[in-house]
Amino acid sequence: MLQISNLLLAADFTPEVANNSAVGMIGSFIAAALLIVIPATAFLIFVSQKDSLDRTSASGRR
């Protein structure tokens, strides 16, 4: 474990590089939310509501 710590300290990253990396990571999380999570959630809510309406109208026909 000590060797890995020494390797990271010897890599000599500047704060600017670390900041750019953090901004890129946060941007990736936001992009994933916009492209995957939000559309999938909207689709699942739509399907759930449609199924609920179908079951309600089917039980009312009897």
Protein backbone atom coordinates (compact mmCIF):
# COMPACT_ATOMS: atom_id res chain seq x y z
CA MET A 1 0.00 0.00 0.00
CA LEU A 2 2.88 2.32 0.75
CA GLN A 3 4.25 1.86 -2.78
CA ILE A 4 0.94 2.99 -4.30
CA SER A 5 0.88 6.06 -2.06
CA ASN A 6 4.41 6.97 -3.07
CA LEU A 7 3.53 6.49 -6.73
CA LEU A 8 0.53 8.82 -6.46
CA LEU A 9 2.53 11.46 -4.61
CA ALA A 10 5.38 11.21 -7.11
CA ALA A 11 2.99 11.64 -10.06
CA ASP A 12 2.95 15.38 -9.31
CA PHE A 13 -0.55 16.28 -10.49
CA THR A 14 -1.31 19.97 -10.52
CA PRO A 15 -4.50 21.29 -8.91
CA GLU A 16 -5.68 22.34 -12.36
CA VAL A 17 -5.52 18.75 -13.63
CA ALA A 18 -7.38 17.48 -10.56
CA ASN A 19 -10.01 20.19 -10.95
CA ASN A 20 -10.54 19.40 -14.64
CA SER A 21 -10.89 15.73 -13.78
CA ALA A 22 -13.50 16.45 -11.11
CA VAL A 23 -15.45 18.72 -13.45
CA GLY A 24 -15.37 16.03 -16.13
CA MET A 25 -16.63 13.41 -13.70
CA ILE A 26 -19.52 15.61 -12.54
CA GLY A 27 -20.33 16.39 -16.17
CA SER A 28 -20.46 12.67 -16.91
CA PHE A 29 -22.90 12.11 -14.06
CA ILE A 30 -25.14 14.90 -15.32
CA ALA A 31 -24.99 13.59 -18.90
CA ALA A 32 -25.87 10.07 -17.72
CA ALA A 33 -28.84 11.43 -15.79
CA LEU A 34 -30.08 13.39 -18.80
CA LEU A 35 -29.55 10.62 -21.34
CA ILE A 36 -30.45 7.50 -19.35
CA VAL A 37 -32.04 7.99 -15.95
CA ILE A 38 -34.62 10.68 -16.72
CA PRO A 39 -35.97 9.09 -19.95
CA ALA A 40 -36.10 5.64 -18.33
CA THR A 41 -37.95 7.03 -15.32
CA ALA A 42 -40.43 8.87 -17.52
CA PHE A 43 -41.04 5.72 -19.58
CA LEU A 44 -41.60 3.57 -16.49
CA ILE A 45 -44.02 6.10 -15.00
CA PHE A 46 -45.91 6.28 -18.32
CA VAL A 47 -46.18 2.49 -18.59
CA SER A 48 -47.22 2.17 -14.95
CA GLN A 49 -49.96 4.79 -15.35
CA LYS A 50 -51.20 3.21 -18.59
CA ASP A 51 -51.34 -0.23 -16.98
CA SER A 52 -53.25 1.18 -14.03
CA LEU A 53 -55.79 2.77 -16.37
CA ASP A 54 -56.13 -0.46 -18.37
CA ARG A 55 -56.78 -2.47 -15.20
CA THR A 56 -59.29 0.08 -13.93
CA SER A 57 -61.26 0.14 -17.19
CA ALA A 58 -61.12 -3.65 -17.53
CA SER A 59 -62.56 -4.18 -14.05
CA GLY A 60 -65.32 -1.63 -14.74
CA ARG A 61 -66.61 -3.55 -17.79
CA ARG A 62 -67.74 -6.60 -15.82
